[in-house]
Amino acid sequence: MKIKLKDNTELTVTESSTATKITADFSSAEDIENFRKKLTDENLAAFRYIKDDTGEIIGEYKNYTFETVSYLYSEEKSVFEASFNIRQFSNIEVRLAAVEAGQTTQNDAIAEMSEVIYSE
């Protein structure tokens, strides 16, 4: 099974991955960190799990955020087993983000209008 993030980053994950925990095997701690950097709010705004062989979508998820990562080295398999804990934003958090984005747009428009008015 694979996870596909919003930016089309794909990673083969274990079958124990869920909506709130992404588990996968990595060859190094650096590879874990590189994937962790991909777990931005933007990339977790829309992601899905896909079957390897058929490409069938197993689950689609929206509005998640990264929380923590933990890993351990398995000498038996010679891999790092990592778990990335994520959670879904609450409705209030989603609405607040939309309000903040709108406010930023308004602030920029007001500043631009002020420059035009005071430059004349």
Protein backbone atom coordinates (compact mmCIF):
# COMPACT_ATOMS: atom_id res chain seq x y z
CA MET A 1 0.00 0.00 0.00
CA LYS A 2 1.16 3.57 -0.67
CA ILE A 3 0.36 6.98 0.67
CA LYS A 4 0.06 9.80 -1.85
CA LEU A 5 0.33 13.33 -0.50
CA LYS A 6 -1.19 16.42 -2.10
CA ASP A 7 2.10 17.27 -3.90
CA ASN A 8 2.07 13.72 -5.39
CA THR A 9 4.83 12.46 -3.10
CA GLU A 10 4.37 8.70 -2.75
CA LEU A 11 5.71 6.34 -0.11
CA THR A 12 5.19 2.63 0.39
CA VAL A 13 3.70 2.19 3.85
CA THR A 14 2.82 -0.80 5.99
CA GLU A 15 -0.67 -2.25 6.17
CA SER A 16 -0.92 -1.01 9.75
CA SER A 17 -1.10 2.63 8.56
CA THR A 18 -4.31 4.41 9.53
CA ALA A 19 -5.90 7.85 9.23
CA THR A 20 -3.87 9.01 12.23
CA LYS A 21 -0.66 7.00 11.92
CA ILE A 22 1.59 6.52 8.90
CA THR A 23 4.01 3.63 9.35
CA ALA A 24 6.82 2.76 6.96
CA ASP A 25 10.29 1.25 6.74
CA PHE A 26 13.31 3.42 5.90
CA SER A 27 16.95 2.68 5.23
CA SER A 28 18.25 5.61 7.31
CA ALA A 29 17.24 8.24 9.85
CA GLU A 30 17.95 10.84 7.15
CA ASP A 31 15.28 9.27 4.92
CA ILE A 32 12.82 9.47 7.83
CA GLU A 33 13.57 13.16 8.26
CA ASN A 34 13.24 13.84 4.53
CA PHE A 35 9.76 12.29 4.54
CA ARG A 36 8.82 14.10 7.75
CA LYS A 37 9.60 17.40 6.02
CA LYS A 38 6.99 16.48 3.39
CA LEU A 39 4.28 16.18 6.06
CA THR A 40 3.31 19.84 5.89
CA ASP A 41 -0.22 21.07 6.52
CA GLU A 42 -0.41 21.82 2.79
CA ASN A 43 0.53 18.24 1.83
CA LEU A 44 -1.78 16.78 4.47
CA ALA A 45 -4.68 18.99 3.35
CA ALA A 46 -5.57 16.11 1.01
CA PHE A 47 -3.92 12.69 0.92
CA ARG A 48 -4.91 9.12 0.15
CA TYR A 49 -3.90 5.52 0.62
CA ILE A 50 -3.67 3.49 -2.58
CA LYS A 51 -3.31 -0.25 -3.26
CA ASP A 52 0.06 -1.03 -4.86
CA ASP A 53 -1.11 -3.55 -7.42
CA THR A 54 -4.40 -2.04 -8.63
CA GLY A 55 -4.05 1.66 -7.87
CA GLU A 56 -7.42 1.46 -6.13
CA ILE A 57 -8.00 4.19 -3.56
CA ILE A 58 -8.37 2.69 -0.10
CA GLY A 59 -9.07 5.93 1.74
CA GLU A 60 -9.05 9.69 1.17
CA TYR A 61 -8.41 12.16 3.97
CA LYS A 62 -8.53 15.95 4.31
CA ASN A 63 -7.31 18.64 6.68
CA TYR A 64 -4.65 16.82 8.71
CA THR A 65 -1.55 18.06 10.48
CA PHE A 66 1.68 16.38 11.56
CA GLU A 67 2.24 15.87 15.30
CA THR A 68 5.13 13.52 16.13
CA VAL A 69 7.43 10.89 14.72
CA SER A 70 9.03 7.92 16.44
CA TYR A 71 11.24 5.21 15.07
CA LEU A 72 13.39 2.28 16.02
CA TYR A 73 16.05 0.30 14.24
CA SER A 74 15.26 -3.34 13.55
CA GLU A 75 18.51 -5.31 13.43
CA GLU A 76 16.54 -8.33 12.26
CA LYS A 77 15.30 -6.52 9.11
CA SER A 78 18.13 -3.95 8.93
CA VAL A 79 15.64 -1.08 8.57
CA PHE A 80 14.31 1.81 10.58
CA GLU A 81 10.62 1.36 11.39
CA ALA A 82 9.00 4.80 11.64
CA SER A 83 5.57 5.93 12.80
CA PHE A 84 4.33 9.42 11.94
CA ASN A 85 1.42 10.55 14.10
CA ILE A 86 -0.99 12.94 12.45
CA ARG A 87 -4.39 14.31 13.40
CA GLN A 88 -7.30 15.91 11.63
CA PHE A 89 -7.86 19.61 12.17
CA SER A 90 -11.06 20.41 14.04
CA ASN A 91 -13.80 22.33 12.24
CA ILE A 92 -12.89 25.39 14.27
CA GLU A 93 -9.23 25.15 13.22
CA VAL A 94 -10.24 24.85 9.55
CA ARG A 95 -12.57 27.85 9.81
CA LEU A 96 -9.97 29.92 11.68
CA ALA A 97 -7.35 29.20 9.00
CA ALA A 98 -9.79 30.38 6.32
CA VAL A 99 -10.52 33.57 8.27
CA GLU A 100 -6.80 34.25 8.76
CA ALA A 101 -6.09 33.73 5.05
CA GLY A 102 -8.91 36.11 4.18
CA GLN A 103 -7.64 38.67 6.66
CA THR A 104 -4.15 38.51 5.16
CA THR A 105 -5.61 39.19 1.72
CA GLN A 106 -7.59 42.14 3.07
CA ASN A 107 -4.55 43.56 4.87
CA ASP A 108 -2.49 43.37 1.67
CA ALA A 109 -5.24 45.09 -0.33
CA ILE A 110 -5.56 47.87 2.25
CA ALA A 111 -1.79 48.42 2.31
CA GLU A 112 -1.71 48.56 -1.49
CA MET A 113 -4.58 51.06 -1.58
CA SER A 114 -2.83 53.21 1.04
CA GLU A 115 0.31 53.34 -1.07
CA VAL A 116 -1.69 54.45 -4.10
CA ILE A 117 -3.61 57.13 -2.18
CA TYR A 118 -0.60 58.57 -0.34
CA SER A 119 1.76 58.48 -3.32
CA GLU A 120 -0.35 60.96 -5.29
